[in-house]
Amino acid sequence: MTIFHHHGRRGRKAIDRLHRDYHFGNGALCLKHFRRAPWLLRHFYWAARSAMRELAGGPRFDHELRLSHWPIVLMNLAGAAKFLALVLARRPDRQPQPDQETAEARAEAGAR
């Protein structure tokens, strides 16, 4: 059985954007769960291996849509780098609100 899974995307830009964003997220996901789920890195390894094979004349990711393995590898790396940058930047923790402001906010929320 073959299933075609395009969700009505017809334009090349829409396909490229979906492809790019999906693999950007996967790169961040792999790095986030690296210690608890190292097997997720297999997907990156397979994409990198396929990209190298593609250089030697191997098959593309999707020949019909002209999608290469290289954007997968590059976006995985970009997603992992972005995740790492956010972790290293450690956004400052939210400051607890004083009790008076918290009580006022609760009263206002209850009045709605």
PDB file of N, CA and C in Angstrom:
ATOM      1  N   MET A   1       0.844  -1.163   0.000  1.00  0.00           N
ATOM      2  CA  MET A   1       0.000   0.000   0.000  1.00  0.00           C
ATOM      3  C   MET A   1       0.895   1.233   0.000  1.00  0.00           C
ATOM      4  N   THR A   2       0.557   2.213  -0.802  1.00  0.00           N
ATOM      5  CA  THR A   2       1.285   3.468  -0.872  1.00  0.00           C
ATOM      6  C   THR A   2       0.365   4.592  -0.428  1.00  0.00           C
ATOM      7  N   ILE A   3       0.901   5.467   0.403  1.00  0.00           N
ATOM      8  CA  ILE A   3       0.134   6.614   0.881  1.00  0.00           C
ATOM      9  C   ILE A   3       0.865   7.870   0.458  1.00  0.00           C
ATOM     10  N   PHE A   4       0.173   8.761  -0.223  1.00  0.00           N
ATOM     11  CA  PHE A   4       0.753  10.040  -0.596  1.00  0.00           C
ATOM     12  C   PHE A   4       0.331  11.053   0.461  1.00  0.00           C
ATOM     13  N   HIS A   5       1.274  11.801   0.970  1.00  0.00           N
ATOM     14  CA  HIS A   5       1.071  12.610   2.168  1.00  0.00           C
ATOM     15  C   HIS A   5       1.512  14.044   1.893  1.00  0.00           C
ATOM     16  N   HIS A   6       0.741  14.791   1.118  1.00  0.00           N
ATOM     17  CA  HIS A   6       1.159  16.145   0.754  1.00  0.00           C
ATOM     18  C   HIS A   6       0.330  17.248   1.405  1.00  0.00           C
ATOM     19  N   HIS A   7      -0.830  16.952   1.937  1.00  0.00           N
ATOM     20  CA  HIS A   7      -1.695  17.929   2.603  1.00  0.00           C
ATOM     21  C   HIS A   7      -1.979  19.150   1.742  1.00  0.00           C
ATOM     22  N   GLY A   8      -2.035  18.982   0.436  1.00  0.00           N
ATOM     23  CA  GLY A   8      -2.398  20.083  -0.439  1.00  0.00           C
ATOM     24  C   GLY A   8      -1.297  21.080  -0.710  1.00  0.00           C
ATOM     25  N   ARG A   9      -0.090  20.835  -0.258  1.00  0.00           N
ATOM     26  CA  ARG A   9       1.000  21.760  -0.549  1.00  0.00           C
ATOM     27  C   ARG A   9       1.376  21.609  -2.016  1.00  0.00           C
ATOM     28  N   ARG A  10       1.276  22.688  -2.750  1.00  0.00           N
ATOM     29  CA  ARG A  10       1.544  22.604  -4.182  1.00  0.00           C
ATOM     30  C   ARG A  10       2.775  23.396  -4.584  1.00  0.00           C
ATOM     31  N   GLY A  11       3.011  24.480  -3.900  1.00  0.00           N
ATOM     32  CA  GLY A  11       4.136  25.335  -4.267  1.00  0.00           C
ATOM     33  C   GLY A  11       5.461  24.796  -3.750  1.00  0.00           C
ATOM     34  N   ARG A  12       6.493  25.031  -4.510  1.00  0.00           N
ATOM     35  CA  ARG A  12       7.832  24.585  -4.126  1.00  0.00           C
ATOM     36  C   ARG A  12       8.271  25.225  -2.807  1.00  0.00           C
ATOM     37  N   LYS A  13       7.936  26.490  -2.618  1.00  0.00           N
ATOM     38  CA  LYS A  13       8.323  27.178  -1.380  1.00  0.00           C
ATOM     39  C   LYS A  13       7.685  26.527  -0.161  1.00  0.00           C
ATOM     40  N   ALA A  14       6.430  26.125  -0.277  1.00  0.00           N
ATOM     41  CA  ALA A  14       5.732  25.487   0.852  1.00  0.00           C
ATOM     42  C   ALA A  14       6.372  24.142   1.187  1.00  0.00           C
ATOM     43  N   ILE A  15       6.741  23.407   0.167  1.00  0.00           N
ATOM     44  CA  ILE A  15       7.381  22.103   0.389  1.00  0.00           C
ATOM     45  C   ILE A  15       8.749  22.296   1.028  1.00  0.00           C
ATOM     46  N   ASP A  16       9.540  23.228   0.494  1.00  0.00           N
ATOM     47  CA  ASP A  16      10.870  23.486   1.051  1.00  0.00           C
ATOM     48  C   ASP A  16      10.797  23.971   2.492  1.00  0.00           C
ATOM     49  N   ARG A  17       9.833  24.841   2.778  1.00  0.00           N
ATOM     50  CA  ARG A  17       9.700  25.366   4.143  1.00  0.00           C
ATOM     51  C   ARG A  17       9.327  24.260   5.123  1.00  0.00           C
ATOM     52  N   LEU A  18       8.380  23.417   4.744  1.00  0.00           N
ATOM     53  CA  LEU A  18       7.989  22.302   5.603  1.00  0.00           C
ATOM     54  C   LEU A  18       9.170  21.378   5.850  1.00  0.00           C
ATOM     55  N   HIS A  19       9.881  21.045   4.797  1.00  0.00           N
ATOM     56  CA  HIS A  19      11.046  20.165   4.875  1.00  0.00           C
ATOM     57  C   HIS A  19      12.107  20.764   5.806  1.00  0.00           C
ATOM     58  N   ARG A  20      12.377  22.058   5.640  1.00  0.00           N
ATOM     59  CA  ARG A  20      13.379  22.750   6.454  1.00  0.00           C
ATOM     60  C   ARG A  20      12.959  22.821   7.918  1.00  0.00           C
ATOM     61  N   ASP A  21      11.741  23.263   8.180  1.00  0.00           N
ATOM     62  CA  ASP A  21      11.280  23.435   9.564  1.00  0.00           C
ATOM     63  C   ASP A  21      11.196  22.110  10.314  1.00  0.00           C
ATOM     64  N   TYR A  22      10.738  21.082   9.631  1.00  0.00           N
ATOM     65  CA  TYR A  22      10.614  19.762  10.248  1.00  0.00           C
ATOM     66  C   TYR A  22      11.976  19.261  10.732  1.00  0.00           C
ATOM     67  N   HIS A  23      12.983  19.390   9.892  1.00  0.00           N
ATOM     68  CA  HIS A  23      14.299  18.867  10.254  1.00  0.00           C
ATOM     69  C   HIS A  23      15.052  19.789  11.212  1.00  0.00           C
ATOM     70  N   PHE A  24      14.729  21.070  11.217  1.00  0.00           N
ATOM     71  CA  PHE A  24      15.273  21.992  12.217  1.00  0.00           C
ATOM     72  C   PHE A  24      14.803  21.543  13.602  1.00  0.00           C
ATOM     73  N   GLY A  25      13.515  21.263  13.709  1.00  0.00           N
ATOM     74  CA  GLY A  25      12.953  20.792  14.979  1.00  0.00           C
ATOM     75  C   GLY A  25      13.530  19.457  15.404  1.00  0.00           C
ATOM     76  N   ASN A  26      13.748  18.577  14.451  1.00  0.00           N
ATOM     77  CA  ASN A  26      14.331  17.278  14.782  1.00  0.00           C
ATOM     78  C   ASN A  26      15.739  17.413  15.344  1.00  0.00           C
ATOM     79  N   GLY A  27      16.512  18.354  14.811  1.00  0.00           N
ATOM     80  CA  GLY A  27      17.865  18.574  15.332  1.00  0.00           C
ATOM     81  C   GLY A  27      17.837  19.022  16.783  1.00  0.00           C
ATOM     82  N   ALA A  28      16.929  19.936  17.095  1.00  0.00           N
ATOM     83  CA  ALA A  28      16.789  20.405  18.478  1.00  0.00           C
ATOM     84  C   ALA A  28      16.309  19.269  19.381  1.00  0.00           C
ATOM     85  N   LEU A  29      15.369  18.489  18.893  1.00  0.00           N
ATOM     86  CA  LEU A  29      14.834  17.366  19.661  1.00  0.00           C
ATOM     87  C   LEU A  29      15.930  16.343  19.981  1.00  0.00           C
ATOM     88  N   CYS A  30      16.748  16.030  18.990  1.00  0.00           N
ATOM     89  CA  CYS A  30      17.833  15.052  19.205  1.00  0.00           C
ATOM     90  C   CYS A  30      18.799  15.526  20.283  1.00  0.00           C
ATOM     91  N   LEU A  31      19.158  16.804  20.227  1.00  0.00           N
ATOM     92  CA  LEU A  31      20.093  17.305  21.228  1.00  0.00           C
ATOM     93  C   LEU A  31      19.447  17.374  22.614  1.00  0.00           C
ATOM     94  N   LYS A  32      18.192  17.767  22.657  1.00  0.00           N
ATOM     95  CA  LYS A  32      17.499  17.873  23.943  1.00  0.00           C
ATOM     96  C   LYS A  32      17.446  16.524  24.659  1.00  0.00           C
ATOM     97  N   HIS A  33      17.195  15.461  23.915  1.00  0.00           N
ATOM     98  CA  HIS A  33      17.030  14.145  24.524  1.00  0.00           C
ATOM     99  C   HIS A  33      18.259  13.256  24.347  1.00  0.00           C
ATOM    100  N   PHE A  34      19.397  13.858  24.077  1.00  0.00           N
ATOM    101  CA  PHE A  34      20.626  13.120  23.796  1.00  0.00           C
ATOM    102  C   PHE A  34      20.979  12.116  24.899  1.00  0.00           C
ATOM    103  N   ARG A  35      20.893  12.535  26.152  1.00  0.00           N
ATOM    104  CA  ARG A  35      21.294  11.640  27.251  1.00  0.00           C
ATOM    105  C   ARG A  35      20.280  10.539  27.531  1.00  0.00           C
ATOM    106  N   ARG A  36      19.007  10.863  27.471  1.00  0.00           N
ATOM    107  CA  ARG A  36      17.975   9.870  27.807  1.00  0.00           C
ATOM    108  C   ARG A  36      17.552   9.003  26.624  1.00  0.00           C
ATOM    109  N   ALA A  37      17.753   9.504  25.409  1.00  0.00           N
ATOM    110  CA  ALA A  37      17.317   8.753  24.223  1.00  0.00           C
ATOM    111  C   ALA A  37      18.366   8.871  23.110  1.00  0.00           C
ATOM    112  N   PRO A  38      19.554   8.328  23.350  1.00  0.00           N
ATOM    113  CA  PRO A  38      20.624   8.483  22.352  1.00  0.00           C
ATOM    114  C   PRO A  38      20.313   7.837  21.012  1.00  0.00           C
ATOM    115  N   TRP A  39      19.353   6.925  20.995  1.00  0.00           N
ATOM    116  CA  TRP A  39      19.003   6.268  19.730  1.00  0.00           C
ATOM    117  C   TRP A  39      18.389   7.252  18.733  1.00  0.00           C
ATOM    118  N   LEU A  40      17.936   8.411  19.199  1.00  0.00           N
ATOM    119  CA  LEU A  40      17.416   9.409  18.271  1.00  0.00           C
ATOM    120  C   LEU A  40      18.494   9.889  17.309  1.00  0.00           C
ATOM    121  N   LEU A  41      19.741   9.793  17.725  1.00  0.00           N
ATOM    122  CA  LEU A  41      20.843  10.217  16.852  1.00  0.00           C
ATOM    123  C   LEU A  41      20.991   9.316  15.632  1.00  0.00           C
ATOM    124  N   ARG A  42      20.382   8.145  15.665  1.00  0.00           N
ATOM    125  CA  ARG A  42      20.438   7.269  14.484  1.00  0.00           C
ATOM    126  C   ARG A  42      19.870   7.974  13.265  1.00  0.00           C
ATOM    127  N   HIS A  43      18.826   8.757  13.457  1.00  0.00           N
ATOM    128  CA  HIS A  43      18.205   9.458  12.336  1.00  0.00           C
ATOM    129  C   HIS A  43      19.176  10.456  11.716  1.00  0.00           C
ATOM    130  N   PHE A  44      19.931  11.148  12.574  1.00  0.00           N
ATOM    131  CA  PHE A  44      20.938  12.078  12.048  1.00  0.00           C
ATOM    132  C   PHE A  44      22.034  11.305  11.312  1.00  0.00           C
ATOM    133  N   TYR A  45      22.478  10.212  11.892  1.00  0.00           N
ATOM    134  CA  TYR A  45      23.506   9.391  11.252  1.00  0.00           C
ATOM    135  C   TYR A  45      23.032   8.903   9.885  1.00  0.00           C
ATOM    136  N   TRP A  46      21.800   8.415   9.816  1.00  0.00           N
ATOM    137  CA  TRP A  46      21.275   7.904   8.548  1.00  0.00           C
ATOM    138  C   TRP A  46      21.175   9.019   7.502  1.00  0.00           C
ATOM    139  N   ALA A  47      20.759  10.199   7.931  1.00  0.00           N
ATOM    140  CA  ALA A  47      20.658  11.324   6.999  1.00  0.00           C
ATOM    141  C   ALA A  47      22.044  11.729   6.498  1.00  0.00           C
ATOM    142  N   ALA A  48      23.021  11.779   7.413  1.00  0.00           N
ATOM    143  CA  ALA A  48      24.386  12.146   7.015  1.00  0.00           C
ATOM    144  C   ALA A  48      24.970  11.087   6.082  1.00  0.00           C
ATOM    145  N   ARG A  49      24.743   9.826   6.386  1.00  0.00           N
ATOM    146  CA  ARG A  49      25.240   8.745   5.529  1.00  0.00           C
ATOM    147  C   ARG A  49      24.599   8.827   4.138  1.00  0.00           C
ATOM    148  N   SER A  50      23.306   9.070   4.093  1.00  0.00           N
ATOM    149  CA  SER A  50      22.615   9.187   2.808  1.00  0.00           C
ATOM    150  C   SER A  50      23.086  10.413   2.026  1.00  0.00           C
ATOM    151  N   ALA A  51      23.384  11.501   2.729  1.00  0.00           N
ATOM    152  CA  ALA A  51      23.896  12.700   2.057  1.00  0.00           C
ATOM    153  C   ALA A  51      25.252  12.420   1.424  1.00  0.00           C
ATOM    154  N   MET A  52      26.090  11.689   2.124  1.00  0.00           N
ATOM    155  CA  MET A  52      27.405  11.335   1.566  1.00  0.00           C
ATOM    156  C   MET A  52      27.233  10.413   0.358  1.00  0.00           C
ATOM    157  N   ARG A  53      26.322   9.490   0.444  1.00  0.00           N
ATOM    158  CA  ARG A  53      26.052   8.597  -0.693  1.00  0.00           C
ATOM    159  C   ARG A  53      25.502   9.384  -1.881  1.00  0.00           C
ATOM    160  N   GLU A  54      24.715  10.390  -1.576  1.00  0.00           N
ATOM    161  CA  GLU A  54      24.154  11.226  -2.642  1.00  0.00           C
ATOM    162  C   GLU A  54      25.269  11.907  -3.433  1.00  0.00           C
ATOM    163  N   LEU A  55      26.328  12.317  -2.744  1.00  0.00           N
ATOM    164  CA  LEU A  55      27.471  12.923  -3.430  1.00  0.00           C
ATOM    165  C   LEU A  55      28.120  11.956  -4.412  1.00  0.00           C
ATOM    166  N   ALA A  56      28.062  10.682  -4.079  1.00  0.00           N
ATOM    167  CA  ALA A  56      28.689   9.662  -4.922  1.00  0.00           C
ATOM    168  C   ALA A  56      27.695   9.093  -5.945  1.00  0.00           C
ATOM    169  N   GLY A  57      26.588   9.787  -6.173  1.00  0.00           N
ATOM    170  CA  GLY A  57      25.623   9.337  -7.161  1.00  0.00           C
ATOM    171  C   GLY A  57      24.465   8.547  -6.606  1.00  0.00           C
ATOM    172  N   GLY A  58      24.352   8.480  -5.298  1.00  0.00           N
ATOM    173  CA  GLY A  58      23.259   7.750  -4.669  1.00  0.00           C
ATOM    174  C   GLY A  58      21.933   8.475  -4.813  1.00  0.00           C
ATOM    175  N   PRO A  59      20.860   7.852  -4.351  1.00  0.00           N
ATOM    176  CA  PRO A  59      19.527   8.442  -4.517  1.00  0.00           C
ATOM    177  C   PRO A  59      19.317   9.671  -3.636  1.00  0.00           C
ATOM    178  N   ARG A  60      18.473  10.562  -4.121  1.00  0.00           N
ATOM    179  CA  ARG A  60      18.086  11.736  -3.346  1.00  0.00           C
ATOM    180  C   ARG A  60      17.046  11.327  -2.313  1.00  0.00           C
ATOM    181  N   PHE A  61      16.734  12.229  -1.404  1.00  0.00           N
ATOM    182  CA  PHE A  61      15.710  11.971  -0.388  1.00  0.00           C
ATOM    183  C   PHE A  61      14.364  11.704  -1.064  1.00  0.00           C
ATOM    184  N   ASP A  62      13.991  12.575  -1.989  1.00  0.00           N
ATOM    185  CA  ASP A  62      12.777  12.372  -2.772  1.00  0.00           C
ATOM    186  C   ASP A  62      13.052  12.861  -4.183  1.00  0.00           C
ATOM    187  N   HIS A  63      13.224  11.919  -5.091  1.00  0.00           N
ATOM    188  CA  HIS A  63      13.581  12.257  -6.461  1.00  0.00           C
ATOM    189  C   HIS A  63      12.471  13.067  -7.142  1.00  0.00           C
ATOM    190  N   GLU A  64      11.222  12.671  -6.919  1.00  0.00           N
ATOM    191  CA  GLU A  64      10.092  13.342  -7.565  1.00  0.00           C
ATOM    192  C   GLU A  64       9.986  14.809  -7.153  1.00  0.00           C
ATOM    193  N   LEU A  65      10.183  15.091  -5.872  1.00  0.00           N
ATOM    194  CA  LEU A  65      10.094  16.466  -5.364  1.00  0.00           C
ATOM    195  C   LEU A  65      11.437  17.192  -5.391  1.00  0.00           C
ATOM    196  N   ARG A  66      12.471  16.506  -5.866  1.00  0.00           N
ATOM    197  CA  ARG A  66      13.838  17.058  -5.946  1.00  0.00           C
ATOM    198  C   ARG A  66      14.336  17.518  -4.566  1.00  0.00           C
ATOM    199  N   LEU A  67      14.102  16.689  -3.559  1.00  0.00           N
ATOM    200  CA  LEU A  67      14.576  16.981  -2.202  1.00  0.00           C
ATOM    201  C   LEU A  67      15.844  16.189  -1.937  1.00  0.00           C
ATOM    202  N   SER A  68      16.833  16.863  -1.423  1.00  0.00           N
ATOM    203  CA  SER A  68      18.128  16.263  -1.139  1.00  0.00           C
ATOM    204  C   SER A  68      18.238  15.895   0.341  1.00  0.00           C
ATOM    205  N   HIS A  69      19.215  15.067   0.658  1.00  0.00           N
ATOM    206  CA  HIS A  69      19.499  14.748   2.065  1.00  0.00           C
ATOM    207  C   HIS A  69      20.278  15.880   2.749  1.00  0.00           C
ATOM    208  N   TRP A  70      20.954  16.711   1.969  1.00  0.00           N
ATOM    209  CA  TRP A  70      21.801  17.745   2.566  1.00  0.00           C
ATOM    210  C   TRP A  70      21.036  18.765   3.401  1.00  0.00           C
ATOM    211  N   PRO A  71      19.886  19.265   2.961  1.00  0.00           N
ATOM    212  CA  PRO A  71      19.144  20.181   3.843  1.00  0.00           C
ATOM    213  C   PRO A  71      18.730  19.518   5.150  1.00  0.00           C
ATOM    214  N   ILE A  72      18.483  18.215   5.116  1.00  0.00           N
ATOM    215  CA  ILE A  72      18.132  17.506   6.349  1.00  0.00           C
ATOM    216  C   ILE A  72      19.291  17.587   7.331  1.00  0.00           C
ATOM    217  N   VAL A  73      20.484  17.272   6.845  1.00  0.00           N
ATOM    218  CA  VAL A  73      21.674  17.292   7.704  1.00  0.00           C
ATOM    219  C   VAL A  73      21.936  18.708   8.221  1.00  0.00           C
ATOM    220  N   LEU A  74      21.904  19.678   7.311  1.00  0.00           N
ATOM    221  CA  LEU A  74      22.204  21.055   7.708  1.00  0.00           C
ATOM    222  C   LEU A  74      21.168  21.618   8.676  1.00  0.00           C
ATOM    223  N   MET A  75      19.897  21.319   8.448  1.00  0.00           N
ATOM    224  CA  MET A  75      18.866  21.833   9.354  1.00  0.00           C
ATOM    225  C   MET A  75      18.879  21.099  10.688  1.00  0.00           C
ATOM    226  N   ASN A  76      19.233  19.822  10.695  1.00  0.00           N
ATOM    227  CA  ASN A  76      19.422  19.113  11.971  1.00  0.00           C
ATOM    228  C   ASN A  76      20.506  19.802  12.789  1.00  0.00           C
ATOM    229  N   LEU A  77      21.621  20.129  12.131  1.00  0.00           N
ATOM    230  CA  LEU A  77      22.719  20.805  12.828  1.00  0.00           C
ATOM    231  C   LEU A  77      22.308  22.205  13.294  1.00  0.00           C
ATOM    232  N   ALA A  78      21.575  22.927  12.444  1.00  0.00           N
ATOM    233  CA  ALA A  78      21.125  24.271  12.824  1.00  0.00           C
ATOM    234  C   ALA A  78      20.157  24.213  14.006  1.00  0.00           C
ATOM    235  N   GLY A  79      19.246  23.246  13.998  1.00  0.00           N
ATOM    236  CA  GLY A  79      18.305  23.110  15.112  1.00  0.00           C
ATOM    237  C   GLY A  79      19.006  22.760  16.411  1.00  0.00           C
ATOM    238  N   ALA A  80      19.995  21.864  16.319  1.00  0.00           N
ATOM    239  CA  ALA A  80      20.764  21.500  17.515  1.00  0.00           C
ATOM    240  C   ALA A  80      21.556  22.697  18.028  1.00  0.00           C
ATOM    241  N   ALA A  81      22.140  23.468  17.109  1.00  0.00           N
ATOM    242  CA  ALA A  81      22.915  24.656  17.507  1.00  0.00           C
ATOM    243  C   ALA A  81      22.017  25.697  18.172  1.00  0.00           C
ATOM    244  N   LYS A  82      20.830  25.897  17.620  1.00  0.00           N
ATOM    245  CA  LYS A  82      19.900  26.871  18.212  1.00  0.00           C
ATOM    246  C   LYS A  82      19.471  26.427  19.609  1.00  0.00           C
ATOM    247  N   PHE A  83      19.178  25.134  19.761  1.00  0.00           N
ATOM    248  CA  PHE A  83      18.803  24.624  21.070  1.00  0.00           C
ATOM    249  C   PHE A  83      19.943  24.828  22.062  1.00  0.00           C
ATOM    250  N   LEU A  84      21.159  24.514  21.646  1.00  0.00           N
ATOM    251  CA  LEU A  84      22.322  24.668  22.518  1.00  0.00           C
ATOM    252  C   LEU A  84      22.514  26.138  22.903  1.00  0.00           C
ATOM    253  N   ALA A  85      22.344  27.037  21.941  1.00  0.00           N
ATOM    254  CA  ALA A  85      22.485  28.465  22.241  1.00  0.00           C
ATOM    255  C   ALA A  85      21.453  28.918  23.264  1.00  0.00           C
ATOM    256  N   LEU A  86      20.230  28.431  23.137  1.00  0.00           N
ATOM    257  CA  LEU A  86      19.192  28.810  24.103  1.00  0.00           C
ATOM    258  C   LEU A  86      19.482  28.240  25.488  1.00  0.00           C
ATOM    259  N   VAL A  87      20.009  27.022  25.534  1.00  0.00           N
ATOM    260  CA  VAL A  87      20.350  26.417  26.829  1.00  0.00           C
ATOM    261  C   VAL A  87      21.503  27.174  27.473  1.00  0.00           C
ATOM    262  N   LEU A  88      22.505  27.514  26.670  1.00  0.00           N
ATOM    263  CA  LEU A  88      23.664  28.227  27.218  1.00  0.00           C
ATOM    264  C   LEU A  88      23.305  29.651  27.637  1.00  0.00           C
ATOM    265  N   ALA A  89      22.370  30.268  26.942  1.00  0.00           N
ATOM    266  CA  ALA A  89      21.959  31.629  27.285  1.00  0.00           C
ATOM    267  C   ALA A  89      21.174  31.645  28.588  1.00  0.00           C
ATOM    268  N   ARG A  90      20.585  30.504  28.926  1.00  0.00           N
ATOM    269  CA  ARG A  90      19.785  30.378  30.152  1.00  0.00           C
ATOM    270  C   ARG A  90      18.975  31.626  30.426  1.00  0.00           C
ATOM    271  N   ARG A  91      17.855  31.670  29.789  1.00  0.00           N
ATOM    272  CA  ARG A  91      16.979  32.810  29.998  1.00  0.00           C
ATOM    273  C   ARG A  91      16.781  33.008  31.495  1.00  0.00           C
ATOM    274  N   PRO A  92      16.832  34.251  31.950  1.00  0.00           N
ATOM    275  CA  PRO A  92      16.698  34.474  33.388  1.00  0.00           C
ATOM    276  C   PRO A  92      15.357  33.963  33.905  1.00  0.00           C
ATOM    277  N   ASP A  93      15.411  33.409  35.103  1.00  0.00           N
ATOM    278  CA  ASP A  93      14.188  32.912  35.723  1.00  0.00           C
ATOM    279  C   ASP A  93      13.249  34.083  35.987  1.00  0.00           C
ATOM    280  N   ARG A  94      11.982  33.783  35.921  1.00  0.00           N
ATOM    281  CA  ARG A  94      10.997  34.820  36.208  1.00  0.00           C
ATOM    282  C   ARG A  94      11.076  35.177  37.683  1.00  0.00           C
ATOM    283  N   GLN A  95      11.002  36.452  37.961  1.00  0.00           N
ATOM    284  CA  GLN A  95      11.053  36.932  39.338  1.00  0.00           C
ATOM    285  C   GLN A  95       9.685  36.727  39.978  1.00  0.00           C
ATOM    286  N   PRO A  96       9.651  36.176  41.188  1.00  0.00           N
ATOM    287  CA  PRO A  96       8.355  36.015  41.856  1.00  0.00           C
ATOM    288  C   PRO A  96       7.745  37.380  42.146  1.00  0.00           C
ATOM    289  N   GLN A  97       6.443  37.458  41.971  1.00  0.00           N
ATOM    290  CA  GLN A  97       5.748  38.704  42.231  1.00  0.00           C
ATOM    291  C   GLN A  97       5.521  38.852  43.732  1.00  0.00           C
ATOM    292  N   PRO A  98       5.587  40.071  44.214  1.00  0.00           N
ATOM    293  CA  PRO A  98       5.265  40.287  45.631  1.00  0.00           C
ATOM    294  C   PRO A  98       3.830  39.848  45.918  1.00  0.00           C
ATOM    295  N   ASP A  99       3.571  39.495  47.164  1.00  0.00           N
ATOM    296  CA  ASP A  99       2.263  38.974  47.555  1.00  0.00           C
ATOM    297  C   ASP A  99       1.126  39.929  47.214  1.00  0.00           C
ATOM    298  N   GLN A 100       1.329  41.227  47.370  1.00  0.00           N
ATOM    299  CA  GLN A 100       0.278  42.198  47.114  1.00  0.00           C
ATOM    300  C   GLN A 100      -0.156  42.137  45.646  1.00  0.00           C
ATOM    301  N   GLU A 101       0.806  42.117  44.726  1.00  0.00           N
ATOM    302  CA  GLU A 101       0.473  42.078  43.303  1.00  0.00           C
ATOM    303  C   GLU A 101      -0.222  40.762  42.947  1.00  0.00           C
ATOM    304  N   THR A 102       0.205  39.681  43.553  1.00  0.00           N
ATOM    305  CA  THR A 102      -0.403  38.381  43.283  1.00  0.00           C
ATOM    306  C   THR A 102      -1.850  38.369  43.751  1.00  0.00           C
ATOM    307  N   ALA A 103      -2.119  38.914  44.936  1.00  0.00           N
ATOM    308  CA  ALA A 103      -3.486  38.956  45.467  1.00  0.00           C
ATOM    309  C   ALA A 103      -4.373  39.826  44.581  1.00  0.00           C
ATOM    310  N   GLU A 104      -3.837  40.947  44.113  1.00  0.00           N
ATOM    311  CA  GLU A 104      -4.613  41.821  43.233  1.00  0.00           C
ATOM    312  C   GLU A 104      -4.927  41.120  41.914  1.00  0.00           C
ATOM    313  N   ALA A 105      -3.964  40.399  41.377  1.00  0.00           N
ATOM    314  CA  ALA A 105      -4.168  39.690  40.106  1.00  0.00           C
ATOM    315  C   ALA A 105      -5.231  38.613  40.274  1.00  0.00           C
ATOM    316  N   ARG A 106      -5.220  37.906  41.401  1.00  0.00           N
ATOM    317  CA  ARG A 106      -6.232  36.866  41.651  1.00  0.00           C
ATOM    318  C   ARG A 106      -7.615  37.473  41.782  1.00  0.00           C
ATOM    319  N   ALA A 107      -7.691  38.587  42.482  1.00  0.00           N
ATOM    320  CA  ALA A 107      -8.985  39.262  42.665  1.00  0.00           C
ATOM    321  C   ALA A 107      -9.515  39.748  41.319  1.00  0.00           C
ATOM    322  N   GLU A 108      -8.633  40.296  40.516  1.00  0.00           N
ATOM    323  CA  GLU A 108      -9.044  40.779  39.191  1.00  0.00           C
ATOM    324  C   GLU A 108      -9.491  39.615  38.307  1.00  0.00           C
ATOM    325  N   ALA A 109      -8.794  38.503  38.356  1.00  0.00           N
ATOM    326  CA  ALA A 109      -9.168  37.337  37.559  1.00  0.00           C
ATOM    327  C   ALA A 109     -10.503  36.764  38.011  1.00  0.00           C
ATOM    328  N   GLY A 110     -10.774  36.810  39.316  1.00  0.00           N
ATOM    329  CA  GLY A 110     -12.045  36.309  39.841  1.00  0.00           C
ATOM    330  C   GLY A 110     -13.215  37.208  39.471  1.00  0.00           C
ATOM    331  N   ALA A 111     -12.936  38.500  39.247  1.00  0.00           N
ATOM    332  CA  ALA A 111     -14.004  39.451  38.919  1.00  0.00           C
ATOM    333  C   ALA A 111     -14.453  39.298  37.472  1.00  0.00           C
ATOM    334  N   ARG A 112     -13.658  38.652  36.644  1.00  0.00           N
ATOM    335  CA  ARG A 112     -13.997  38.515  35.213  1.00  0.00           C
ATOM    336  C   ARG A 112     -15.016  37.510  35.000  1.00  0.00           C
TER     337      ARG A 112
END
